[in-house]
N, C-alpha and C. Protein backbone atom coordinates (compact mmCIF):
# COMPACT_ATOMS: atom_id res chain seq x y z
N UNK A 1 -11.71 -9.36 -9.06
CA UNK A 1 -11.25 -8.13 -9.94
C UNK A 1 -9.89 -8.61 -10.00
N UNK A 2 -9.07 -9.34 -9.16
CA UNK A 2 -7.73 -9.66 -9.59
C UNK A 2 -7.62 -10.43 -10.55
N UNK A 3 -8.26 -11.15 -11.29
CA UNK A 3 -8.13 -11.95 -12.54
C UNK A 3 -8.25 -10.86 -13.74
N UNK A 4 -9.17 -10.05 -13.65
CA UNK A 4 -9.12 -8.81 -14.48
C UNK A 4 -7.64 -8.16 -14.68
N UNK A 5 -7.38 -7.78 -13.42
CA UNK A 5 -6.06 -6.84 -13.08
C UNK A 5 -5.03 -7.67 -13.74
N UNK A 6 -4.94 -8.88 -13.56
CA UNK A 6 -3.64 -9.80 -14.04
C UNK A 6 -3.72 -9.97 -15.47
N UNK A 7 -5.05 -10.16 -16.10
CA UNK A 7 -4.96 -10.05 -17.21
C UNK A 7 -4.58 -8.72 -17.83
N UNK A 8 -4.91 -7.49 -17.39
CA UNK A 8 -4.09 -6.25 -17.84
C UNK A 8 -2.89 -6.15 -17.72
N UNK A 9 -2.39 -6.77 -16.76
CA UNK A 9 -0.97 -6.89 -16.37
C UNK A 9 -0.29 -7.49 -17.61
N UNK A 10 -0.95 -8.53 -17.86
CA UNK A 10 -0.19 -9.59 -18.88
C UNK A 10 -0.03 -9.09 -20.32
N UNK A 11 -0.97 -8.19 -20.73
CA UNK A 11 -0.90 -7.49 -22.20
C UNK A 11 -0.24 -6.20 -21.93
N UNK A 12 0.20 -5.96 -20.96
CA UNK A 12 1.06 -4.65 -20.94
C UNK A 12 0.23 -3.27 -20.73
N UNK A 13 -1.09 -3.42 -20.54
CA UNK A 13 -1.95 -2.37 -20.17
C UNK A 13 -1.44 -1.66 -18.90
N UNK A 14 -1.21 -2.52 -17.63
CA UNK A 14 -0.82 -1.69 -16.51
C UNK A 14 0.61 -1.13 -16.35
N UNK A 15 1.50 -1.70 -17.20
CA UNK A 15 2.77 -0.93 -17.81
C UNK A 15 2.64 0.13 -18.34
N UNK A 16 1.65 0.36 -19.10
CA UNK A 16 1.36 1.62 -20.08
C UNK A 16 0.69 2.86 -19.07
N UNK A 17 0.12 2.15 -18.10
CA UNK A 17 -0.61 3.29 -17.16
C UNK A 17 0.67 3.81 -16.17
N UNK A 18 1.70 2.91 -15.94
CA UNK A 18 2.98 3.33 -15.13
C UNK A 18 3.67 4.26 -15.92
N UNK A 19 3.74 4.18 -17.04
CA UNK A 19 4.67 4.98 -17.81
C UNK A 19 3.84 6.25 -18.23
N UNK A 20 2.48 6.42 -17.65
CA UNK A 20 2.01 7.55 -18.19
C UNK A 20 1.36 7.80 -19.62
N UNK A 21 1.39 6.60 -20.47
CA UNK A 21 0.69 6.49 -21.80
C UNK A 21 -0.68 6.63 -21.63
N UNK A 22 -1.08 5.85 -20.73
CA UNK A 22 -2.73 6.02 -20.51
C UNK A 22 -3.01 6.31 -19.01
N UNK A 23 -4.34 7.23 -19.01
CA UNK A 23 -4.45 7.01 -17.43
C UNK A 23 -5.62 5.71 -17.04
N UNK A 24 -5.51 5.33 -15.91
CA UNK A 24 -6.19 4.19 -15.59
C UNK A 24 -6.65 4.46 -14.41
N UNK A 25 -7.89 4.28 -14.12
CA UNK A 25 -8.74 4.55 -12.87
C UNK A 25 -9.50 2.97 -12.75
N UNK A 26 -9.42 2.92 -11.52
CA UNK A 26 -9.97 1.65 -10.76
C UNK A 26 -11.07 2.27 -9.70
N UNK A 27 -12.51 2.04 -9.63
CA UNK A 27 -13.43 2.43 -8.82
C UNK A 27 -13.51 0.92 -8.13
N UNK A 28 -13.10 0.78 -6.90
CA UNK A 28 -13.43 -0.42 -6.18
C UNK A 28 -14.22 -0.29 -5.25
N UNK A 29 -15.42 -0.99 -5.58
CA UNK A 29 -16.69 -0.84 -4.74
C UNK A 29 -16.68 -1.89 -3.54
N UNK A 30 -16.49 -1.39 -2.22
CA UNK A 30 -16.27 -2.34 -1.04
C UNK A 30 -17.90 -2.37 -0.44
N UNK A 31 -18.16 -3.40 0.03
CA UNK A 31 -19.08 -3.62 0.95
C UNK A 31 -18.55 -3.55 2.37
N UNK A 32 -19.37 -3.49 3.48
CA UNK A 32 -18.72 -3.51 5.00
C UNK A 32 -18.54 -4.71 5.48
N UNK A 33 -17.76 -5.72 4.80
CA UNK A 33 -17.50 -7.05 5.06
C UNK A 33 -16.02 -7.27 5.08
N UNK A 34 -15.53 -8.29 6.06
CA UNK A 34 -13.99 -8.51 6.05
C UNK A 34 -13.56 -9.09 4.72
N UNK A 35 -14.41 -9.83 3.91
CA UNK A 35 -14.36 -10.47 2.67
C UNK A 35 -14.17 -9.14 1.39
N UNK A 36 -14.86 -8.46 1.73
CA UNK A 36 -15.01 -7.45 0.72
C UNK A 36 -13.74 -6.50 0.98
N UNK A 37 -13.29 -6.26 2.29
CA UNK A 37 -12.14 -5.67 2.65
C UNK A 37 -10.67 -6.33 2.18
N UNK A 38 -10.77 -7.64 1.96
CA UNK A 38 -9.42 -8.46 1.88
C UNK A 38 -9.31 -8.15 0.36
N UNK A 39 -10.09 -7.90 -0.48
CA UNK A 39 -9.89 -7.57 -1.85
C UNK A 39 -8.85 -6.41 -2.19
N UNK A 40 -8.99 -5.69 -1.11
CA UNK A 40 -8.02 -4.26 -1.23
C UNK A 40 -6.46 -4.89 -1.19
N UNK A 41 -6.52 -6.02 -0.41
CA UNK A 41 -4.75 -6.37 -0.62
C UNK A 41 -4.74 -7.23 -1.65
N UNK A 42 -5.55 -8.08 -2.22
CA UNK A 42 -5.42 -8.49 -3.57
C UNK A 42 -4.96 -7.61 -4.50
N UNK A 43 -5.69 -6.66 -4.59
CA UNK A 43 -5.42 -5.46 -5.81
C UNK A 43 -4.57 -4.66 -5.41
N UNK A 44 -4.08 -4.30 -4.31
CA UNK A 44 -2.95 -3.35 -4.15
C UNK A 44 -1.70 -3.47 -4.88
N UNK A 45 -1.27 -4.78 -5.37
CA UNK A 45 -0.06 -5.09 -6.16
C UNK A 45 -0.47 -4.66 -7.74
N UNK A 46 -1.48 -4.34 -7.92
CA UNK A 46 -1.60 -3.98 -9.24
C UNK A 46 -1.94 -2.29 -9.41
N UNK A 47 -1.83 -1.79 -8.56
CA UNK A 47 -2.44 -0.25 -8.52
C UNK A 47 -1.26 0.87 -8.75
N UNK A 48 -0.21 0.26 -9.02
CA UNK A 48 0.97 1.28 -9.21
C UNK A 48 0.61 1.87 -10.57
N UNK A 49 0.74 3.15 -10.61
CA UNK A 49 0.30 3.75 -11.78
C UNK A 49 -1.31 4.09 -12.08
N UNK A 50 -2.12 3.65 -11.28
CA UNK A 50 -3.40 3.82 -11.24
C UNK A 50 -4.18 4.75 -10.64
N UNK A 51 -5.03 5.51 -10.94
CA UNK A 51 -5.81 6.30 -9.71
C UNK A 51 -6.73 5.15 -9.36
N UNK A 52 -6.51 5.03 -7.90
CA UNK A 52 -7.31 3.87 -7.15
C UNK A 52 -8.20 4.56 -6.47
N UNK A 53 -9.74 4.38 -6.34
CA UNK A 53 -10.79 4.85 -5.46
C UNK A 53 -11.21 3.81 -4.64
N UNK A 54 -11.30 3.95 -3.51
CA UNK A 54 -11.98 2.85 -2.48
C UNK A 54 -13.38 3.37 -2.18
N UNK A 55 -14.30 2.81 -2.84
CA UNK A 55 -15.72 3.24 -2.67
C UNK A 55 -16.45 2.60 -1.85
N UNK A 56 -16.84 3.33 -0.69
CA UNK A 56 -17.48 2.38 0.49
C UNK A 56 -18.95 2.63 0.09
N UNK A 57 -19.54 1.54 -0.14
CA UNK A 57 -20.88 1.49 -0.29
C UNK A 57 -21.84 1.18 1.00
N UNK A 58 -22.44 2.01 1.38
CA UNK A 58 -22.96 2.04 2.75
C UNK A 58 -24.48 1.30 2.15
N UNK A 59 -24.52 0.07 1.93
CA UNK A 59 -25.62 -0.75 2.03
C UNK A 59 -26.73 -0.98 3.04
N UNK A 60 -26.13 -0.54 4.37
CA UNK A 60 -26.92 -0.97 5.49
C UNK A 60 -25.93 -0.02 6.63
N UNK A 61 -26.28 -0.17 7.98
CA UNK A 61 -25.77 0.77 8.93
C UNK A 61 -24.54 0.79 9.47
N UNK A 62 -23.87 -0.43 8.75
CA UNK A 62 -22.47 -0.76 9.26
C UNK A 62 -21.50 0.32 8.81
N UNK A 63 -20.39 0.47 9.53
CA UNK A 63 -19.30 1.44 9.40
C UNK A 63 -17.94 1.21 9.07
N UNK A 64 -17.72 0.03 8.29
CA UNK A 64 -16.41 -0.04 7.58
C UNK A 64 -15.36 -0.35 8.68
N UNK A 65 -15.97 -0.65 9.97
CA UNK A 65 -14.91 -1.10 11.12
C UNK A 65 -14.11 0.25 11.46
N UNK A 66 -14.70 1.41 11.00
CA UNK A 66 -14.17 2.71 11.75
C UNK A 66 -13.96 2.71 13.09
N UNK A 67 -14.94 1.97 14.02
CA UNK A 67 -15.02 1.90 15.26
C UNK A 67 -13.59 1.13 15.71
N UNK A 68 -13.13 0.25 14.99
CA UNK A 68 -11.95 -0.45 15.22
C UNK A 68 -10.82 -0.03 14.63
N UNK A 69 -9.99 1.14 15.16
CA UNK A 69 -8.71 1.60 14.35
C UNK A 69 -7.93 0.58 13.79
N UNK A 70 -7.45 -0.19 14.44
CA UNK A 70 -6.36 -1.40 14.04
C UNK A 70 -7.15 -1.97 12.66
N UNK A 71 -8.26 -2.65 12.79
CA UNK A 71 -8.78 -3.47 11.77
C UNK A 71 -9.14 -2.42 10.42
N UNK A 72 -9.53 -1.05 10.66
CA UNK A 72 -9.83 -0.23 9.61
C UNK A 72 -8.31 0.18 9.26
N UNK A 73 -7.28 0.37 9.96
CA UNK A 73 -6.09 0.75 9.29
C UNK A 73 -5.53 -0.26 8.50
N UNK A 74 -5.69 -1.58 8.72
CA UNK A 74 -5.14 -2.55 8.16
C UNK A 74 -5.65 -2.88 6.78
N UNK A 75 -6.66 -2.30 6.57
CA UNK A 75 -7.39 -2.30 5.21
C UNK A 75 -7.15 -0.97 4.50
N UNK A 76 -7.59 0.21 5.17
CA UNK A 76 -7.80 1.35 4.22
C UNK A 76 -6.21 2.00 4.25
N UNK A 77 -5.32 1.53 5.06
CA UNK A 77 -4.31 2.31 4.95
C UNK A 77 -3.02 1.67 4.08
N UNK A 78 -3.58 0.57 3.31
CA UNK A 78 -2.66 -0.51 2.58
C UNK A 78 -1.88 0.30 1.51
N UNK A 79 -2.90 1.33 0.96
CA UNK A 79 -2.54 1.96 -0.51
C UNK A 79 -2.59 3.52 0.09
N UNK A 80 -1.60 4.07 0.12
CA UNK A 80 -1.35 5.48 0.55
C UNK A 80 -1.99 6.37 -0.59
N UNK A 81 -1.76 6.17 -1.69
CA UNK A 81 -2.20 7.26 -2.52
C UNK A 81 -3.95 7.05 -3.11
N UNK A 82 -4.47 6.03 -2.60
CA UNK A 82 -6.09 5.82 -2.85
C UNK A 82 -6.80 6.85 -2.23
N UNK A 83 -7.89 7.23 -2.89
CA UNK A 83 -8.84 8.14 -2.68
C UNK A 83 -10.02 7.43 -1.94
N UNK A 84 -10.69 7.81 -0.94
CA UNK A 84 -11.75 7.12 -0.40
C UNK A 84 -13.08 7.80 -0.91
N UNK A 85 -13.95 7.07 -1.30
CA UNK A 85 -15.39 7.83 -1.67
C UNK A 85 -16.48 7.13 -0.99
N UNK A 86 -17.34 7.98 -0.65
CA UNK A 86 -18.45 7.12 0.10
C UNK A 86 -19.86 7.14 -0.49
N UNK A 87 -20.45 6.25 -0.75
CA UNK A 87 -21.78 6.14 -1.14
C UNK A 87 -22.81 6.03 -0.07
N UNK A 88 -23.79 7.18 0.34
CA UNK A 88 -24.54 6.99 1.44
C UNK A 88 -25.62 6.02 1.16
N UNK A 89 -26.13 5.69 2.48
CA UNK A 89 -27.24 4.65 2.28
C UNK A 89 -28.51 5.17 2.03
N UNK A 90 -28.99 4.46 1.10
CA UNK A 90 -30.50 4.99 0.70
C UNK A 90 -31.58 4.45 1.49
N UNK A 91 -32.66 5.12 1.67
CA UNK A 91 -34.05 4.53 2.42
C UNK A 91 -34.01 3.05 1.67
N UNK A 92 -34.56 2.29 2.31
CA UNK A 92 -34.88 0.84 1.55
C UNK A 92 -35.80 0.92 0.96
N UNK A 93 -37.05 1.81 1.18
CA UNK A 93 -38.22 1.71 0.66
C UNK A 93 -37.91 2.32 -0.88
N UNK A 94 -37.23 3.53 -0.87
CA UNK A 94 -36.80 4.19 -2.20
C UNK A 94 -35.84 3.35 -2.95
N UNK A 95 -34.96 2.59 -2.44
CA UNK A 95 -34.24 1.57 -3.08
C UNK A 95 -34.98 0.75 -3.84
N UNK A 96 -36.10 0.05 -3.27
CA UNK A 96 -37.04 -0.95 -3.82
C UNK A 96 -37.60 -0.48 -4.88
N UNK A 97 -38.26 0.95 -4.60
CA UNK A 97 -39.27 1.42 -5.60
C UNK A 97 -38.09 1.76 -6.86
N UNK A 98 -37.23 2.34 -6.74
CA UNK A 98 -36.33 2.53 -7.96
C UNK A 98 -36.09 1.02 -8.93
N UNK A 99 -35.60 -0.05 -8.12
CA UNK A 99 -35.46 -1.26 -8.56
C UNK A 99 -36.93 -1.58 -9.33
N UNK A 100 -37.93 -1.50 -8.80
CA UNK A 100 -39.25 -1.96 -9.40
C UNK A 100 -39.48 -1.01 -10.66
N UNK A 101 -39.29 0.19 -10.61
CA UNK A 101 -39.26 1.04 -11.54
C UNK A 101 -38.35 0.73 -12.57
N UNK A 102 -37.20 0.11 -12.51
CA UNK A 102 -36.30 -0.20 -13.57
C UNK A 102 -35.62 1.14 -14.21
N UNK A 103 -35.55 2.20 -13.56
CA UNK A 103 -34.87 3.49 -14.10
C UNK A 103 -33.60 3.90 -13.15
N UNK A 104 -32.90 4.54 -13.84
CA UNK A 104 -31.91 5.13 -13.36
C UNK A 104 -32.17 6.32 -12.11
N UNK A 105 -31.41 6.44 -11.04
CA UNK A 105 -32.22 7.36 -10.03
C UNK A 105 -32.34 8.59 -10.60
N UNK A 106 -31.63 9.38 -11.42
CA UNK A 106 -32.26 10.68 -12.11
C UNK A 106 -33.61 10.67 -12.60
N UNK A 107 -33.65 9.66 -13.53
CA UNK A 107 -35.36 9.30 -14.02
C UNK A 107 -36.49 9.52 -12.84
N UNK A 108 -36.03 8.44 -11.95
CA UNK A 108 -36.88 8.24 -10.85
C UNK A 108 -37.26 9.66 -10.09
N UNK A 109 -36.30 10.60 -9.78
CA UNK A 109 -36.13 11.63 -9.27
C UNK A 109 -37.20 12.73 -10.32
N UNK A 110 -37.03 12.48 -11.68
CA UNK A 110 -37.74 13.42 -12.55
C UNK A 110 -39.09 12.86 -12.49
N UNK A 111 -39.23 11.62 -12.17
CA UNK A 111 -40.90 11.18 -12.17
C UNK A 111 -41.11 10.66 -13.65
N UNK A 112 -40.07 9.96 -14.42
CA UNK A 112 -39.96 9.51 -15.74
C UNK A 112 -39.87 8.18 -15.85
N UNK A 113 -40.59 7.49 -16.65
CA UNK A 113 -40.54 6.01 -16.85
C UNK A 113 -39.24 5.48 -17.66
N UNK A 114 -39.09 4.58 -17.96
CA UNK A 114 -38.16 3.85 -18.86
C UNK A 114 -38.03 4.41 -20.05
N UNK A 115 -39.16 4.84 -20.77
CA UNK A 115 -39.11 5.63 -22.01
C UNK A 115 -39.11 6.99 -22.18
N UNK A 116 -39.13 7.56 -20.62
CA UNK A 116 -39.29 9.07 -20.58
C UNK A 116 -40.68 9.65 -20.37
N UNK A 117 -41.68 8.47 -20.34
CA UNK A 117 -43.10 8.74 -20.21
C UNK A 117 -43.18 9.29 -18.83
N UNK A 118 -44.26 10.03 -18.49
CA UNK A 118 -44.75 10.45 -17.25
C UNK A 118 -44.67 9.55 -16.43
N UNK A 119 -44.58 9.62 -15.02
CA UNK A 119 -44.66 8.36 -14.07
C UNK A 119 -45.28 9.04 -12.85
N UNK A 120 -45.58 8.23 -11.89
CA UNK A 120 -46.46 8.39 -10.75
C UNK A 120 -45.54 7.87 -9.62
N UNK A 121 -44.21 8.39 -9.22
CA UNK A 121 -43.54 7.97 -8.35
C UNK A 121 -44.06 8.64 -7.03
N UNK A 122 -43.91 8.08 -5.80
CA UNK A 122 -43.82 8.75 -4.68
C UNK A 122 -42.75 10.19 -4.64
N UNK A 123 -43.90 11.09 -4.26
CA UNK A 123 -42.96 12.38 -3.88
C UNK A 123 -41.78 12.23 -2.74
N UNK A 124 -42.18 11.57 -1.74
CA UNK A 124 -41.28 11.19 -0.52
C UNK A 124 -40.20 10.35 -0.76
N UNK A 125 -40.61 9.25 -1.56
CA UNK A 125 -39.38 8.50 -1.92
C UNK A 125 -38.31 9.04 -3.01
N UNK A 126 -39.26 9.75 -3.93
CA UNK A 126 -38.19 10.77 -4.89
C UNK A 126 -37.37 11.69 -4.20
N UNK A 127 -37.85 12.08 -3.21
CA UNK A 127 -36.91 13.23 -2.27
C UNK A 127 -35.74 12.47 -1.58
N UNK A 128 -35.82 10.99 -1.17
CA UNK A 128 -34.80 10.65 -0.63
C UNK A 128 -33.77 10.15 -1.58
N UNK A 129 -34.23 9.89 -2.87
CA UNK A 129 -33.39 9.56 -3.99
C UNK A 129 -32.87 10.81 -4.48
N UNK A 130 -33.21 11.86 -4.77
CA UNK A 130 -32.89 13.29 -4.99
C UNK A 130 -31.66 13.58 -3.72
N UNK A 131 -32.13 13.46 -2.79
CA UNK A 131 -31.17 13.86 -1.48
C UNK A 131 -29.64 12.87 -1.65
N UNK A 132 -30.13 11.63 -2.07
CA UNK A 132 -28.81 10.98 -2.15
C UNK A 132 -28.04 11.25 -3.50
N UNK A 133 -28.61 11.58 -4.43
CA UNK A 133 -28.10 11.89 -5.72
C UNK A 133 -27.32 13.39 -5.39
N UNK A 134 -27.78 14.19 -4.79
CA UNK A 134 -27.16 15.38 -4.65
C UNK A 134 -25.89 15.24 -3.63
N UNK A 135 -25.87 14.46 -2.68
CA UNK A 135 -24.81 14.15 -2.13
C UNK A 135 -23.66 13.52 -2.73
N UNK A 136 -24.04 12.47 -3.61
CA UNK A 136 -23.19 11.92 -4.37
C UNK A 136 -22.42 12.96 -5.45
N UNK A 137 -23.21 14.00 -5.87
CA UNK A 137 -22.68 14.94 -6.87
C UNK A 137 -21.72 15.75 -6.19
N UNK A 138 -22.14 16.24 -4.94
CA UNK A 138 -21.14 16.99 -4.03
C UNK A 138 -19.92 16.35 -3.72
N UNK A 139 -20.13 15.24 -3.57
CA UNK A 139 -18.94 14.43 -3.01
C UNK A 139 -17.82 14.37 -4.10
N UNK A 140 -18.38 14.22 -5.63
CA UNK A 140 -17.77 14.01 -6.67
C UNK A 140 -17.02 15.52 -7.02
N UNK A 141 -17.79 16.70 -6.87
CA UNK A 141 -17.33 17.88 -7.13
C UNK A 141 -16.26 18.20 -6.00
N UNK A 142 -16.46 17.89 -4.75
CA UNK A 142 -15.41 18.09 -3.63
C UNK A 142 -14.22 17.43 -4.08
N UNK A 143 -14.31 16.20 -4.54
CA UNK A 143 -13.05 15.39 -5.20
C UNK A 143 -12.51 16.30 -6.20
N UNK A 144 -13.17 16.42 -7.17
CA UNK A 144 -12.75 17.48 -8.15
C UNK A 144 -11.98 18.73 -8.06
N UNK A 145 -12.55 19.20 -6.88
CA UNK A 145 -11.70 20.75 -6.41
C UNK A 145 -10.69 20.17 -5.62
N UNK A 146 -10.64 19.36 -4.98
CA UNK A 146 -9.47 18.78 -4.20
C UNK A 146 -8.32 18.46 -5.07
N UNK A 147 -8.71 17.59 -6.11
CA UNK A 147 -7.81 17.14 -7.12
C UNK A 147 -7.04 18.38 -7.97
N UNK A 148 -7.89 19.12 -8.27
CA UNK A 148 -7.41 20.61 -8.97
C UNK A 148 -6.53 21.20 -8.18
N UNK A 149 -6.76 21.25 -6.57
CA UNK A 149 -5.94 22.05 -5.85
C UNK A 149 -4.57 21.45 -5.72
N UNK A 150 -4.71 19.87 -5.71
CA UNK A 150 -3.30 19.15 -5.75
C UNK A 150 -2.50 19.48 -6.90
N UNK A 151 -3.33 19.23 -8.18
CA UNK A 151 -2.60 19.45 -9.29
C UNK A 151 -1.86 20.71 -9.32
N UNK A 152 -2.57 21.82 -8.90
CA UNK A 152 -1.95 23.14 -9.01
C UNK A 152 -0.47 23.07 -8.18
N UNK A 153 -0.70 22.67 -6.95
CA UNK A 153 0.36 22.80 -5.96
C UNK A 153 1.37 21.70 -6.60
N UNK A 154 1.04 20.74 -7.23
CA UNK A 154 2.23 19.97 -7.90
C UNK A 154 2.96 20.56 -8.96
N UNK A 155 2.23 21.48 -9.84
CA UNK A 155 2.82 22.23 -10.95
C UNK A 155 3.47 23.23 -10.20
N UNK A 156 3.08 24.02 -9.28
CA UNK A 156 3.95 25.07 -8.71
C UNK A 156 5.31 24.58 -8.24
N UNK A 157 4.91 23.40 -7.38
CA UNK A 157 6.11 22.53 -6.78
C UNK A 157 7.05 22.16 -8.01
N UNK A 158 6.67 21.81 -9.02
CA UNK A 158 7.67 21.28 -10.30
C UNK A 158 8.34 22.76 -10.91
N UNK A 159 7.59 23.82 -10.72
CA UNK A 159 8.17 24.93 -11.45
C UNK A 159 9.09 25.55 -10.57
N UNK A 160 9.02 25.40 -9.11
CA UNK A 160 10.02 25.98 -8.24
C UNK A 160 11.06 25.19 -8.05
N UNK A 161 11.00 23.82 -8.34
CA UNK A 161 12.03 23.16 -8.53
C UNK A 161 12.88 23.18 -9.90
N UNK A 162 12.24 23.56 -11.02
CA UNK A 162 12.86 23.83 -12.16
C UNK A 162 13.77 25.07 -12.23
N UNK A 163 13.26 26.17 -11.36
CA UNK A 163 13.84 27.46 -11.25
C UNK A 163 14.98 27.02 -10.40
N UNK A 164 14.86 26.54 -9.18
CA UNK A 164 16.02 26.18 -8.40
C UNK A 164 17.23 25.50 -8.99
N UNK A 165 16.85 24.44 -10.08
CA UNK A 165 17.88 23.80 -10.70
C UNK A 165 18.53 24.77 -11.61
N UNK A 166 17.61 25.69 -12.30
CA UNK A 166 18.27 26.65 -13.35
C UNK A 166 19.12 27.42 -12.28
N UNK A 167 18.85 28.31 -11.24
CA UNK A 167 19.69 29.01 -10.52
C UNK A 167 20.74 28.21 -9.79
N UNK A 168 20.84 27.16 -9.46
CA UNK A 168 21.82 26.21 -9.17
C UNK A 168 23.00 26.19 -10.22
N UNK A 169 22.52 25.85 -11.60
CA UNK A 169 23.30 25.71 -12.67
C UNK A 169 23.96 27.16 -12.77
N UNK A 170 23.48 28.33 -12.92
CA UNK A 170 24.01 29.53 -12.99
C UNK A 170 24.87 29.74 -11.97
N UNK A 171 24.75 29.37 -10.66
CA UNK A 171 25.65 29.74 -9.45
C UNK A 171 26.78 28.88 -9.52
N UNK A 172 26.80 27.47 -10.33
CA UNK A 172 28.09 26.89 -10.50
C UNK A 172 28.66 27.32 -11.62
N UNK A 173 28.07 28.08 -12.50
CA UNK A 173 28.81 28.74 -13.48
C UNK A 173 29.74 30.00 -13.03
N UNK A 174 28.89 30.85 -12.57
CA UNK A 174 29.19 32.09 -12.15
C UNK A 174 28.58 32.40 -10.83
N UNK A 175 29.42 32.16 -9.66
CA UNK A 175 28.78 32.28 -8.37
C UNK A 175 28.48 33.92 -8.36
N UNK A 176 29.30 34.59 -8.51
CA UNK A 176 28.91 36.18 -8.36
C UNK A 176 27.88 36.97 -9.08
N UNK A 177 27.43 36.12 -10.14
CA UNK A 177 26.47 36.75 -10.79
C UNK A 177 24.86 36.40 -10.39
N UNK A 178 24.94 35.47 -9.45
CA UNK A 178 23.19 35.09 -9.02
C UNK A 178 23.42 35.24 -7.56
N UNK A 179 22.25 35.98 -6.80
CA UNK A 179 22.34 36.20 -5.74
C UNK A 179 21.74 34.97 -4.75
N UNK A 180 22.18 34.61 -3.84
CA UNK A 180 21.50 33.46 -2.81
C UNK A 180 19.92 33.89 -2.60
N UNK A 181 19.17 32.94 -2.44
CA UNK A 181 17.68 32.94 -2.28
C UNK A 181 17.51 33.80 -0.69
């Protein structure tokens, strides 16, 4: 990913993101290995002005070193404003059947083939995929609600700051005309 980010920097794309001309989001898919986690350090220098999502992809039963706080913090605390998203582990057999069917998860759940024809996928395996899809959607909705709340708080803080600045200006001009907070 670093060569791509370097190219985006070289053409001015990252500067445009920093200045607010564009919105730039990076979904950094991570596996539970040190090599994958090392990529966080490589990309950290490029993330100023970007919305950075560290996506933990649970492909097996490992836990991204959460059991070792020192190692975990070394990687996941490098970028303070990154958002962590988790992709839960899918049952292995369900994953294999989705791959064999060569369809997206939602088509598999709907029991549809590549061209929307009726399929005959296992009800149990479709249930595993349905559960995973529901968990992912819940995580996205949770992020959207949290983000919405944070945006409202930022707006309220900006408005309060503007009002305080306005009142300070009035006080400077006519101290007796404006009462203190």
